[in-house]
Amino acid sequence: MSSPAGTMALGATARRALGWHPPLMALSALMAVMAGVCAVGVAVDPQVLVGAPIWLKPFKFAVSIAVYSVSWAWLLSRMGPANRRRAGLLATGLVGLFTLEYVIIVGQVLRGQLSHFNETTPFNASLFGLMGTSIVVIWVGTLILSVMLLSERVGDRATTRAVQLGALLSVLGAGLGALMVGPTASQRAAMASGAFDGVMGAHSVGAPDGGPVMPITGWNLDVGDLRVPHFFGLHALQALPLILFALTLLGRRFPALADAAVRTRLVWVAAGGYLAVIALLVWQAERGQSVARPDALTLGALAVVVVAVGVAAALALRRRAAVLT
């Protein structure tokens, strides 16, 4: 059972959260509701589109947008007055674009149509074009917010570096979505032969979208899938602060990690390792290899990354030990 003091502290935190950027928090609440609706849709609607439950895509987008909204609402609340107002106005505009994007995704599901890569009719092509334009503006807006964040102090030095580096890596991960938009080799061949079916772009590399996929994520189990590095990079903004949180908890048992300077250096190490893994996942996907079936070359490259991160972390800890002695 929780103590009255703990319950009061939790309630105070919840009240503060409600005061974070209202449009972003409203969007996150709406997306939480839609995630529940779409989860029910996945469970009860037997329709399948390109090998996956038709409601899976709006479910995943709802979860991702909700996480994005809460994260940036908190970050805006930590900004100084000079940046907070400008960032708030920009974020409000992004809320509108996210809403437009999501309405199109759900609308296409209700029509039984692809929302992405769909140029089968002029109407579908115009919707996909509108989504493409809105996501580019969202990407640019998020980049601007991330640059603004570089001049802010959102906590101690380690926390500040974790969110700053996480934000920049997240922008990089979001930009990887552009790799999916161009025509594949088979689509170019179909256009050249006059057999183009109206689908331009793909998630998969090495075969058309579809086939066996992972539960929940929908990632291809047979060939490369560009959504893997896109997802991994996109959520660096959450991953790096969580890594720092784990280091902080470990600091209660290991004195070396209680040193803020050590944690800051380890955040840099984690960010470098994270970037290396993003690059590895892009390389694996572009080679047409499923993330579920890594070959010896991929595993060898991953081992190099793990060893490099381990050595860098050891050096960060050794530097503190040298200072103490």
C-alpha atoms as a PDB file:
ATOM      1  CA  MET A   1       0.000   0.000   0.000  1.00  0.00           C
ATOM      2  CA  SER A   2       1.246   3.488  -0.802  1.00  0.00           C
ATOM      3  CA  SER A   3       1.735   5.993   1.992  1.00  0.00           C
ATOM      4  CA  PRO A   4      -0.435   9.148   2.219  1.00  0.00           C
ATOM      5  CA  ALA A   5       2.697  11.237   1.544  1.00  0.00           C
ATOM      6  CA  GLY A   6       3.453   9.215  -1.584  1.00  0.00           C
ATOM      7  CA  THR A   7      -0.124   9.556  -2.791  1.00  0.00           C
ATOM      8  CA  MET A   8      -0.035  13.325  -2.233  1.00  0.00           C
ATOM      9  CA  ALA A   9       3.279  13.618  -4.093  1.00  0.00           C
ATOM     10  CA  LEU A  10       1.872  11.626  -7.002  1.00  0.00           C
ATOM     11  CA  GLY A  11      -1.209  13.836  -7.076  1.00  0.00           C
ATOM     12  CA  ALA A  12       0.940  16.973  -7.085  1.00  0.00           C
ATOM     13  CA  THR A  13       2.998  15.598  -9.969  1.00  0.00           C
ATOM     14  CA  ALA A  14      -0.181  14.828 -11.934  1.00  0.00           C
ATOM     15  CA  ARG A  15      -1.485  18.353 -11.352  1.00  0.00           C
ATOM     16  CA  ARG A  16       1.794  19.838 -12.563  1.00  0.00           C
ATOM     17  CA  ALA A  17       1.666  17.631 -15.653  1.00  0.00           C
ATOM     18  CA  LEU A  18      -1.790  18.962 -16.494  1.00  0.00           C
ATOM     19  CA  GLY A  19      -0.247  22.432 -16.523  1.00  0.00           C
ATOM     20  CA  TRP A  20       2.328  21.513 -19.161  1.00  0.00           C
ATOM     21  CA  HIS A  21       1.684  22.820 -22.674  1.00  0.00           C
ATOM     22  CA  PRO A  22      -2.132  22.307 -22.857  1.00  0.00           C
ATOM     23  CA  PRO A  23      -2.413  21.590 -26.621  1.00  0.00           C
ATOM     24  CA  LEU A  24       0.287  18.890 -26.452  1.00  0.00           C
ATOM     25  CA  MET A  25      -1.265  17.361 -23.346  1.00  0.00           C
ATOM     26  CA  ALA A  26      -4.715  17.390 -24.975  1.00  0.00           C
ATOM     27  CA  LEU A  27      -3.241  15.673 -28.036  1.00  0.00           C
ATOM     28  CA  SER A  28      -1.596  13.042 -25.847  1.00  0.00           C
ATOM     29  CA  ALA A  29      -4.918  12.374 -24.089  1.00  0.00           C
ATOM     30  CA  LEU A  30      -6.718  12.063 -27.431  1.00  0.00           C
ATOM     31  CA  MET A  31      -4.055   9.674 -28.726  1.00  0.00           C
ATOM     32  CA  ALA A  32      -4.311   7.578 -25.556  1.00  0.00           C
ATOM     33  CA  VAL A  33      -8.032   7.206 -26.183  1.00  0.00           C
ATOM     34  CA  MET A  34      -7.439   6.389 -29.855  1.00  0.00           C
ATOM     35  CA  ALA A  35      -4.816   3.802 -28.929  1.00  0.00           C
ATOM     36  CA  GLY A  36      -7.476   2.042 -26.871  1.00  0.00           C
ATOM     37  CA  VAL A  37     -10.019   2.282 -29.687  1.00  0.00           C
ATOM     38  CA  CYS A  38      -7.535   0.942 -32.230  1.00  0.00           C
ATOM     39  CA  ALA A  39      -6.488  -1.883 -29.895  1.00  0.00           C
ATOM     40  CA  VAL A  40     -10.119  -2.969 -29.809  1.00  0.00           C
ATOM     41  CA  GLY A  41     -10.190  -2.671 -33.591  1.00  0.00           C
ATOM     42  CA  VAL A  42      -7.157  -4.946 -33.904  1.00  0.00           C
ATOM     43  CA  ALA A  43      -8.883  -7.489 -31.656  1.00  0.00           C
ATOM     44  CA  VAL A  44     -12.338  -7.522 -33.276  1.00  0.00           C
ATOM     45  CA  ASP A  45     -11.880  -6.380 -36.887  1.00  0.00           C
ATOM     46  CA  PRO A  46     -10.642  -9.229 -39.107  1.00  0.00           C
ATOM     47  CA  GLN A  47      -9.599  -6.928 -41.962  1.00  0.00           C
ATOM     48  CA  VAL A  48      -5.960  -7.205 -43.010  1.00  0.00           C
ATOM     49  CA  LEU A  49      -4.077  -4.675 -45.139  1.00  0.00           C
ATOM     50  CA  VAL A  50      -0.652  -5.543 -46.577  1.00  0.00           C
ATOM     51  CA  GLY A  51      -0.280  -8.505 -44.243  1.00  0.00           C
ATOM     52  CA  ALA A  52      -1.143  -6.702 -40.982  1.00  0.00           C
ATOM     53  CA  PRO A  53      -4.376  -5.960 -39.068  1.00  0.00           C
ATOM     54  CA  ILE A  54      -5.881  -2.849 -40.598  1.00  0.00           C
ATOM     55  CA  TRP A  55      -6.091  -1.049 -37.221  1.00  0.00           C
ATOM     56  CA  LEU A  56      -2.473  -1.758 -36.281  1.00  0.00           C
ATOM     57  CA  LYS A  57      -1.012   1.307 -38.019  1.00  0.00           C
ATOM     58  CA  PRO A  58      -3.318   3.865 -36.326  1.00  0.00           C
ATOM     59  CA  PHE A  59      -2.651   2.095 -33.009  1.00  0.00           C
ATOM     60  CA  LYS A  60       1.118   2.455 -33.395  1.00  0.00           C
ATOM     61  CA  PHE A  61       0.843   6.069 -34.546  1.00  0.00           C
ATOM     62  CA  ALA A  62      -1.419   6.912 -31.598  1.00  0.00           C
ATOM     63  CA  VAL A  63       1.079   5.501 -29.102  1.00  0.00           C
ATOM     64  CA  SER A  64       4.025   7.229 -30.787  1.00  0.00           C
ATOM     65  CA  ILE A  65       2.280  10.614 -31.007  1.00  0.00           C
ATOM     66  CA  ALA A  66       1.158  10.361 -27.364  1.00  0.00           C
ATOM     67  CA  VAL A  67       4.724   9.671 -26.211  1.00  0.00           C
ATOM     68  CA  TYR A  68       6.067  12.521 -28.386  1.00  0.00           C
ATOM     69  CA  SER A  69       3.450  14.938 -27.025  1.00  0.00           C
ATOM     70  CA  VAL A  70       4.042  14.185 -23.342  1.00  0.00           C
ATOM     71  CA  SER A  71       7.820  14.307 -23.794  1.00  0.00           C
ATOM     72  CA  TRP A  72       7.813  17.693 -25.478  1.00  0.00           C
ATOM     73  CA  ALA A  73       5.131  19.098 -23.160  1.00  0.00           C
ATOM     74  CA  TRP A  74       7.465  18.333 -20.242  1.00  0.00           C
ATOM     75  CA  LEU A  75      10.495  19.756 -22.043  1.00  0.00           C
ATOM     76  CA  LEU A  76       8.655  22.989 -22.853  1.00  0.00           C
ATOM     77  CA  SER A  77       7.731  23.305 -19.174  1.00  0.00           C
ATOM     78  CA  ARG A  78      11.452  23.190 -18.333  1.00  0.00           C
ATOM     79  CA  MET A  79      12.435  25.929 -20.790  1.00  0.00           C
ATOM     80  CA  GLY A  80      13.147  29.464 -19.682  1.00  0.00           C
ATOM     81  CA  PRO A  81      10.619  32.239 -20.392  1.00  0.00           C
ATOM     82  CA  ALA A  82      12.532  33.501 -23.441  1.00  0.00           C
ATOM     83  CA  ASN A  83      12.214  30.231 -25.340  1.00  0.00           C
ATOM     84  CA  ARG A  84       9.048  28.849 -23.768  1.00  0.00           C
ATOM     85  CA  ARG A  85       6.653  31.235 -25.496  1.00  0.00           C
ATOM     86  CA  ARG A  86       8.153  30.793 -28.967  1.00  0.00           C
ATOM     87  CA  ALA A  87       8.459  27.041 -28.505  1.00  0.00           C
ATOM     88  CA  GLY A  88       4.869  26.888 -27.245  1.00  0.00           C
ATOM     89  CA  LEU A  89       3.516  28.638 -30.326  1.00  0.00           C
ATOM     90  CA  LEU A  90       5.503  26.323 -32.585  1.00  0.00           C
ATOM     91  CA  ALA A  91       4.349  23.237 -30.671  1.00  0.00           C
ATOM     92  CA  THR A  92       0.715  24.346 -30.979  1.00  0.00           C
ATOM     93  CA  GLY A  93       1.129  24.428 -34.752  1.00  0.00           C
ATOM     94  CA  LEU A  94       2.649  20.951 -34.681  1.00  0.00           C
ATOM     95  CA  VAL A  95      -0.362  19.687 -32.727  1.00  0.00           C
ATOM     96  CA  GLY A  96      -2.595  20.776 -35.603  1.00  0.00           C
ATOM     97  CA  LEU A  97      -0.419  18.981 -38.139  1.00  0.00           C
ATOM     98  CA  PHE A  98      -0.279  15.799 -36.058  1.00  0.00           C
ATOM     99  CA  THR A  99      -4.067  15.889 -35.800  1.00  0.00           C
ATOM    100  CA  LEU A 100      -4.395  16.261 -39.567  1.00  0.00           C
ATOM    101  CA  GLU A 101      -1.968  13.385 -40.116  1.00  0.00           C
ATOM    102  CA  TYR A 102      -3.853  11.104 -37.775  1.00  0.00           C
ATOM    103  CA  VAL A 103      -7.279  11.977 -39.196  1.00  0.00           C
ATOM    104  CA  ILE A 104      -6.036  10.957 -42.646  1.00  0.00           C
ATOM    105  CA  ILE A 105      -4.620   7.667 -41.317  1.00  0.00           C
ATOM    106  CA  VAL A 106      -7.882   6.738 -39.582  1.00  0.00           C
ATOM    107  CA  GLY A 107      -9.959   7.953 -42.525  1.00  0.00           C
ATOM    108  CA  GLN A 108      -8.044   5.700 -44.897  1.00  0.00           C
ATOM    109  CA  VAL A 109      -8.512   2.754 -42.544  1.00  0.00           C
ATOM    110  CA  LEU A 110     -12.271   3.364 -42.584  1.00  0.00           C
ATOM    111  CA  ARG A 111     -12.108   3.358 -46.397  1.00  0.00           C
ATOM    112  CA  GLY A 112     -10.026   0.175 -46.402  1.00  0.00           C
ATOM    113  CA  GLN A 113      -7.173   2.004 -48.111  1.00  0.00           C
ATOM    114  CA  LEU A 114      -3.439   2.418 -47.523  1.00  0.00           C
ATOM    115  CA  SER A 115      -2.602   5.759 -45.948  1.00  0.00           C
ATOM    116  CA  HIS A 116       1.086   5.673 -46.927  1.00  0.00           C
ATOM    117  CA  PHE A 117       2.584   5.175 -50.403  1.00  0.00           C
ATOM    118  CA  ASN A 118      -0.924   5.198 -51.909  1.00  0.00           C
ATOM    119  CA  GLU A 119      -1.123   6.825 -55.344  1.00  0.00           C
ATOM    120  CA  THR A 120      -3.740   4.490 -56.755  1.00  0.00           C
ATOM    121  CA  THR A 121      -6.199   7.342 -57.373  1.00  0.00           C
ATOM    122  CA  PRO A 122      -5.831  11.139 -57.544  1.00  0.00           C
ATOM    123  CA  PHE A 123      -7.650  11.420 -54.199  1.00  0.00           C
ATOM    124  CA  ASN A 124      -5.414   8.890 -52.463  1.00  0.00           C
ATOM    125  CA  ALA A 125      -2.347  10.521 -53.976  1.00  0.00           C
ATOM    126  CA  SER A 126      -3.449  13.948 -52.733  1.00  0.00           C
ATOM    127  CA  LEU A 127      -3.956  12.588 -49.213  1.00  0.00           C
ATOM    128  CA  PHE A 128      -0.519  10.973 -49.226  1.00  0.00           C
ATOM    129  CA  GLY A 129       0.992  14.204 -50.545  1.00  0.00           C
ATOM    130  CA  LEU A 130      -0.725  16.186 -47.789  1.00  0.00           C
ATOM    131  CA  MET A 131       0.627  13.753 -45.196  1.00  0.00           C
ATOM    132  CA  GLY A 132       4.096  14.042 -46.684  1.00  0.00           C
ATOM    133  CA  THR A 133       4.014  17.831 -46.529  1.00  0.00           C
ATOM    134  CA  SER A 134       2.733  17.866 -42.958  1.00  0.00           C
ATOM    135  CA  ILE A 135       5.354  15.388 -41.734  1.00  0.00           C
ATOM    136  CA  VAL A 136       8.159  17.437 -43.318  1.00  0.00           C
ATOM    137  CA  VAL A 137       6.895  20.538 -41.495  1.00  0.00           C
ATOM    138  CA  ILE A 138       6.633  18.523 -38.260  1.00  0.00           C
ATOM    139  CA  TRP A 139      10.223  17.347 -38.743  1.00  0.00           C
ATOM    140  CA  VAL A 140      11.488  20.885 -39.316  1.00  0.00           C
ATOM    141  CA  GLY A 141       9.496  22.141 -36.329  1.00  0.00           C
ATOM    142  CA  THR A 142      10.904  19.422 -34.087  1.00  0.00           C
ATOM    143  CA  LEU A 143      14.410  20.232 -35.302  1.00  0.00           C
ATOM    144  CA  ILE A 144      13.862  23.879 -34.336  1.00  0.00           C
ATOM    145  CA  LEU A 145      12.584  22.837 -30.902  1.00  0.00           C
ATOM    146  CA  SER A 146      15.632  20.584 -30.462  1.00  0.00           C
ATOM    147  CA  VAL A 147      18.010  23.402 -31.379  1.00  0.00           C
ATOM    148  CA  MET A 148      16.231  25.694 -28.912  1.00  0.00           C
ATOM    149  CA  LEU A 149      16.691  23.000 -26.281  1.00  0.00           C
ATOM    150  CA  LEU A 150      20.479  23.224 -26.684  1.00  0.00           C
ATOM    151  CA  SER A 151      20.504  26.561 -24.883  1.00  0.00           C
ATOM    152  CA  GLU A 152      18.358  25.321 -21.994  1.00  0.00           C
ATOM    153  CA  ARG A 153      19.179  23.612 -18.709  1.00  0.00           C
ATOM    154  CA  VAL A 154      16.383  21.161 -17.937  1.00  0.00           C
ATOM    155  CA  GLY A 155      17.970  19.612 -14.842  1.00  0.00           C
ATOM    156  CA  ASP A 156      21.458  18.704 -13.697  1.00  0.00           C
ATOM    157  CA  ARG A 157      24.199  18.446 -16.316  1.00  0.00           C
ATOM    158  CA  ALA A 158      23.647  14.747 -16.993  1.00  0.00           C
ATOM    159  CA  THR A 159      19.874  15.181 -17.406  1.00  0.00           C
ATOM    160  CA  THR A 160      20.340  18.161 -19.684  1.00  0.00           C
ATOM    161  CA  ARG A 161      22.768  16.265 -21.915  1.00  0.00           C
ATOM    162  CA  ALA A 162      20.503  13.201 -21.990  1.00  0.00           C
ATOM    163  CA  VAL A 163      17.496  15.132 -23.267  1.00  0.00           C
ATOM    164  CA  GLN A 164      19.527  17.306 -25.651  1.00  0.00           C
ATOM    165  CA  LEU A 165      21.312  14.368 -27.260  1.00  0.00           C
ATOM    166  CA  GLY A 166      18.114  12.321 -27.208  1.00  0.00           C
ATOM    167  CA  ALA A 167      16.248  15.101 -29.001  1.00  0.00           C
ATOM    168  CA  LEU A 168      18.891  15.376 -31.727  1.00  0.00           C
ATOM    169  CA  LEU A 169      19.000  11.610 -32.241  1.00  0.00           C
ATOM    170  CA  SER A 170      15.208  11.580 -32.348  1.00  0.00           C
ATOM    171  CA  VAL A 171      15.214  14.140 -35.144  1.00  0.00           C
ATOM    172  CA  LEU A 172      17.716  11.958 -37.007  1.00  0.00           C
ATOM    173  CA  GLY A 173      15.524   8.898 -36.507  1.00  0.00           C
ATOM    174  CA  ALA A 174      12.444  10.744 -37.717  1.00  0.00           C
ATOM    175  CA  GLY A 175      14.329  11.802 -40.840  1.00  0.00           C
ATOM    176  CA  LEU A 176      15.049   8.163 -41.680  1.00  0.00           C
ATOM    177  CA  GLY A 177      11.412   7.905 -42.704  1.00  0.00           C
ATOM    178  CA  ALA A 178      12.466   9.572 -45.955  1.00  0.00           C
ATOM    179  CA  LEU A 179      14.237   6.329 -46.925  1.00  0.00           C
ATOM    180  CA  MET A 180      10.839   4.667 -47.363  1.00  0.00           C
ATOM    181  CA  VAL A 181       9.275   7.181 -49.739  1.00  0.00           C
ATOM    182  CA  GLY A 182      11.170   6.646 -53.008  1.00  0.00           C
ATOM    183  CA  PRO A 183      10.173   3.927 -55.472  1.00  0.00           C
ATOM    184  CA  THR A 184      11.731   0.510 -55.018  1.00  0.00           C
ATOM    185  CA  ALA A 185      13.576  -1.252 -57.851  1.00  0.00           C
ATOM    186  CA  SER A 186      10.504  -3.382 -58.620  1.00  0.00           C
ATOM    187  CA  GLN A 187       8.263  -0.306 -58.639  1.00  0.00           C
ATOM    188  CA  ARG A 188      10.604   1.494 -61.059  1.00  0.00           C
ATOM    189  CA  ALA A 189      10.572  -1.566 -63.297  1.00  0.00           C
ATOM    190  CA  ALA A 190       6.774  -1.675 -63.152  1.00  0.00           C
ATOM    191  CA  MET A 191       6.549   2.018 -64.078  1.00  0.00           C
ATOM    192  CA  ALA A 192       8.896   1.446 -67.003  1.00  0.00           C
ATOM    193  CA  SER A 193       6.792  -1.458 -68.263  1.00  0.00           C
ATOM    194  CA  GLY A 194       3.450   0.288 -67.764  1.00  0.00           C
ATOM    195  CA  ALA A 195       2.377  -2.117 -65.010  1.00  0.00           C
ATOM    196  CA  PHE A 196       2.566   0.369 -62.105  1.00  0.00           C
ATOM    197  CA  ASP A 197      -0.109  -0.443 -59.497  1.00  0.00           C
ATOM    198  CA  GLY A 198      -0.101   2.977 -57.824  1.00  0.00           C
ATOM    199  CA  VAL A 199       1.946   2.087 -54.718  1.00  0.00           C
ATOM    200  CA  MET A 200       5.051   4.296 -54.479  1.00  0.00           C
ATOM    201  CA  GLY A 201       7.547   3.508 -51.712  1.00  0.00           C
ATOM    202  CA  ALA A 202       7.771   0.708 -49.170  1.00  0.00           C
ATOM    203  CA  HIS A 203       8.783  -0.210 -45.648  1.00  0.00           C
ATOM    204  CA  SER A 204      10.489  -3.426 -46.743  1.00  0.00           C
ATOM    205  CA  VAL A 205      13.754  -3.893 -48.602  1.00  0.00           C
ATOM    206  CA  GLY A 206      14.210  -7.054 -50.630  1.00  0.00           C
ATOM    207  CA  ALA A 207      10.548  -7.909 -51.164  1.00  0.00           C
ATOM    208  CA  PRO A 208       7.194  -6.110 -51.401  1.00  0.00           C
ATOM    209  CA  ASP A 209       5.521  -5.067 -48.158  1.00  0.00           C
ATOM    210  CA  GLY A 210       3.534  -7.893 -46.598  1.00  0.00           C
ATOM    211  CA  GLY A 211       4.396 -11.431 -45.629  1.00  0.00           C
ATOM    212  CA  PRO A 212       5.037 -12.620 -42.060  1.00  0.00           C
ATOM    213  CA  VAL A 213       5.466  -9.812 -39.538  1.00  0.00           C
ATOM    214  CA  MET A 214       6.260  -9.407 -35.867  1.00  0.00           C
ATOM    215  CA  PRO A 215       3.339  -9.032 -33.464  1.00  0.00           C
ATOM    216  CA  ILE A 216       2.535  -5.427 -32.458  1.00  0.00           C
ATOM    217  CA  THR A 217       5.427  -3.819 -34.353  1.00  0.00           C
ATOM    218  CA  GLY A 218       4.427  -5.275 -37.733  1.00  0.00           C
ATOM    219  CA  TRP A 219       8.099  -5.440 -38.797  1.00  0.00           C
ATOM    220  CA  ASN A 220       8.899  -7.824 -41.613  1.00  0.00           C
ATOM    221  CA  LEU A 221      10.284 -11.174 -40.501  1.00  0.00           C
ATOM    222  CA  ASP A 222      11.659 -12.207 -43.900  1.00  0.00           C
ATOM    223  CA  VAL A 223      13.468  -9.149 -45.297  1.00  0.00           C
ATOM    224  CA  GLY A 224      14.821  -5.757 -44.266  1.00  0.00           C
ATOM    225  CA  ASP A 225      12.425  -3.243 -42.762  1.00  0.00           C
ATOM    226  CA  LEU A 226      13.306   0.459 -42.621  1.00  0.00           C
ATOM    227  CA  ARG A 227      10.803   1.044 -39.838  1.00  0.00           C
ATOM    228  CA  VAL A 228      13.220  -0.599 -37.390  1.00  0.00           C
ATOM    229  CA  PRO A 229      15.936   2.123 -37.437  1.00  0.00           C
ATOM    230  CA  HIS A 230      13.212   4.753 -37.853  1.00  0.00           C
ATOM    231  CA  PHE A 231      11.514   3.596 -34.640  1.00  0.00           C
ATOM    232  CA  PHE A 232      14.761   3.094 -32.720  1.00  0.00           C
ATOM    233  CA  GLY A 233      16.035   6.551 -33.611  1.00  0.00           C
ATOM    234  CA  LEU A 234      12.692   8.285 -33.164  1.00  0.00           C
ATOM    235  CA  HIS A 235      12.443   7.269 -29.516  1.00  0.00           C
ATOM    236  CA  ALA A 236      15.972   8.211 -28.461  1.00  0.00           C
ATOM    237  CA  LEU A 237      14.368  11.172 -26.684  1.00  0.00           C
ATOM    238  CA  GLN A 238      12.820   8.696 -24.256  1.00  0.00           C
ATOM    239  CA  ALA A 239      15.592   6.076 -24.286  1.00  0.00           C
ATOM    240  CA  LEU A 240      18.542   8.242 -23.223  1.00  0.00           C
ATOM    241  CA  PRO A 241      16.775   9.788 -20.199  1.00  0.00           C
ATOM    242  CA  LEU A 242      15.677   6.267 -19.187  1.00  0.00           C
ATOM    243  CA  ILE A 243      19.290   5.087 -19.411  1.00  0.00           C
ATOM    244  CA  LEU A 244      20.309   8.021 -17.214  1.00  0.00           C
ATOM    245  CA  PHE A 245      17.512   7.169 -14.766  1.00  0.00           C
ATOM    246  CA  ALA A 246      18.882   3.622 -14.532  1.00  0.00           C
ATOM    247  CA  LEU A 247      22.389   4.979 -13.911  1.00  0.00           C
ATOM    248  CA  THR A 248      21.034   7.262 -11.183  1.00  0.00           C
ATOM    249  CA  LEU A 249      19.323   4.347  -9.445  1.00  0.00           C
ATOM    250  CA  LEU A 250      22.506   2.270  -9.691  1.00  0.00           C
ATOM    251  CA  GLY A 251      24.363   5.196  -8.147  1.00  0.00           C
ATOM    252  CA  ARG A 252      22.701   4.342  -4.832  1.00  0.00           C
ATOM    253  CA  ARG A 253      24.684   1.099  -4.759  1.00  0.00           C
ATOM    254  CA  PHE A 254      27.787   1.984  -6.769  1.00  0.00           C
ATOM    255  CA  PRO A 255      29.562   5.143  -5.574  1.00  0.00           C
ATOM    256  CA  ALA A 256      31.219   5.787  -8.942  1.00  0.00           C
ATOM    257  CA  LEU A 257      27.805   6.344 -10.543  1.00  0.00           C
ATOM    258  CA  ALA A 258      26.805   8.794  -7.839  1.00  0.00           C
ATOM    259  CA  ASP A 259      29.240  11.290  -9.396  1.00  0.00           C
ATOM    260  CA  ALA A 260      27.294  13.639 -11.718  1.00  0.00           C
ATOM    261  CA  ALA A 261      30.349  14.125 -13.950  1.00  0.00           C
ATOM    262  CA  VAL A 262      30.648  10.363 -14.457  1.00  0.00           C
ATOM    263  CA  ARG A 263      26.965  10.074 -15.335  1.00  0.00           C
ATOM    264  CA  THR A 264      27.348  12.906 -17.825  1.00  0.00           C
ATOM    265  CA  ARG A 265      30.257  11.146 -19.532  1.00  0.00           C
ATOM    266  CA  LEU A 266      28.285   7.905 -19.595  1.00  0.00           C
ATOM    267  CA  VAL A 267      25.364   9.727 -21.234  1.00  0.00           C
ATOM    268  CA  TRP A 268      27.728  10.767 -24.034  1.00  0.00           C
ATOM    269  CA  VAL A 269      28.894   7.152 -24.319  1.00  0.00           C
ATOM    270  CA  ALA A 270      25.292   5.932 -24.449  1.00  0.00           C
ATOM    271  CA  ALA A 271      24.445   8.493 -27.140  1.00  0.00           C
ATOM    272  CA  GLY A 272      27.423   7.408 -29.236  1.00  0.00           C
ATOM    273  CA  GLY A 273      26.427   3.781 -28.870  1.00  0.00           C
ATOM    274  CA  TYR A 274      22.836   4.608 -29.724  1.00  0.00           C
ATOM    275  CA  LEU A 275      23.918   6.409 -32.887  1.00  0.00           C
ATOM    276  CA  ALA A 276      26.063   3.422 -33.871  1.00  0.00           C
ATOM    277  CA  VAL A 277      23.121   1.051 -33.415  1.00  0.00           C
ATOM    278  CA  ILE A 278      20.907   3.303 -35.567  1.00  0.00           C
ATOM    279  CA  ALA A 279      23.541   3.156 -38.315  1.00  0.00           C
ATOM    280  CA  LEU A 280      23.804  -0.623 -37.904  1.00  0.00           C
ATOM    281  CA  LEU A 281      20.030  -1.052 -38.208  1.00  0.00           C
ATOM    282  CA  VAL A 282      19.919   1.106 -41.354  1.00  0.00           C
ATOM    283  CA  TRP A 283      22.763  -0.942 -42.854  1.00  0.00           C
ATOM    284  CA  GLN A 284      21.032  -4.202 -41.981  1.00  0.00           C
ATOM    285  CA  ALA A 285      17.691  -3.099 -43.428  1.00  0.00           C
ATOM    286  CA  GLU A 286      19.229  -1.736 -46.632  1.00  0.00           C
ATOM    287  CA  ARG A 287      20.899  -5.121 -47.151  1.00  0.00           C
ATOM    288  CA  GLY A 288      17.426  -6.689 -47.179  1.00  0.00           C
ATOM    289  CA  GLN A 289      17.993  -8.524 -43.914  1.00  0.00           C
ATOM    290  CA  SER A 290      15.265  -8.920 -41.299  1.00  0.00           C
ATOM    291  CA  VAL A 291      16.094  -7.627 -37.827  1.00  0.00           C
ATOM    292  CA  ALA A 292      14.884 -11.007 -36.567  1.00  0.00           C
ATOM    293  CA  ARG A 293      17.464 -12.883 -38.665  1.00  0.00           C
ATOM    294  CA  PRO A 294      20.855 -11.184 -38.309  1.00  0.00           C
ATOM    295  CA  ASP A 295      23.743 -12.858 -40.123  1.00  0.00           C
ATOM    296  CA  ALA A 296      27.294 -13.288 -38.853  1.00  0.00           C
ATOM    297  CA  LEU A 297      28.358  -9.960 -40.387  1.00  0.00           C
ATOM    298  CA  THR A 298      25.604  -8.058 -38.572  1.00  0.00           C
ATOM    299  CA  LEU A 299      26.298  -9.829 -35.282  1.00  0.00           C
ATOM    300  CA  GLY A 300      30.014  -9.109 -35.675  1.00  0.00           C
ATOM    301  CA  ALA A 301      29.321  -5.410 -36.231  1.00  0.00           C
ATOM    302  CA  LEU A 302      27.028  -5.377 -33.192  1.00  0.00           C
ATOM    303  CA  ALA A 303      29.772  -7.010 -31.126  1.00  0.00           C
ATOM    304  CA  VAL A 304      32.186  -4.258 -32.180  1.00  0.00           C
ATOM    305  CA  VAL A 305      29.678  -1.621 -31.061  1.00  0.00           C
ATOM    306  CA  VAL A 306      29.121  -3.356 -27.722  1.00  0.00           C
ATOM    307  CA  VAL A 307      32.869  -3.658 -27.074  1.00  0.00           C
ATOM    308  CA  ALA A 308      33.479  -0.028 -28.060  1.00  0.00           C
ATOM    309  CA  VAL A 309      30.715   1.175 -25.728  1.00  0.00           C
ATOM    310  CA  GLY A 310      32.054  -1.033 -22.944  1.00  0.00           C
ATOM    311  CA  VAL A 311      35.589   0.309 -23.350  1.00  0.00           C
ATOM    312  CA  ALA A 312      34.354   3.909 -23.452  1.00  0.00           C
ATOM    313  CA  ALA A 313      32.247   3.354 -20.332  1.00  0.00           C
ATOM    314  CA  ALA A 314      35.197   1.777 -18.537  1.00  0.00           C
ATOM    315  CA  LEU A 315      37.376   4.761 -19.419  1.00  0.00           C
ATOM    316  CA  ALA A 316      34.716   7.136 -18.107  1.00  0.00           C
ATOM    317  CA  LEU A 317      34.674   5.269 -14.797  1.00  0.00           C
ATOM    318  CA  ARG A 318      38.458   4.916 -14.660  1.00  0.00           C
ATOM    319  CA  ARG A 319      38.871   8.661 -15.058  1.00  0.00           C
ATOM    320  CA  ARG A 320      36.942   9.197 -11.822  1.00  0.00           C
ATOM    321  CA  ALA A 321      38.988   6.536 -10.070  1.00  0.00           C
ATOM    322  CA  ALA A 322      42.184   8.271 -11.175  1.00  0.00           C
ATOM    323  CA  VAL A 323      40.904  11.593  -9.803  1.00  0.00           C
ATOM    324  CA  LEU A 324      40.066   9.994  -6.446  1.00  0.00           C
ATOM    325  CA  THR A 325      43.521   8.452  -6.116  1.00  0.00           C
END
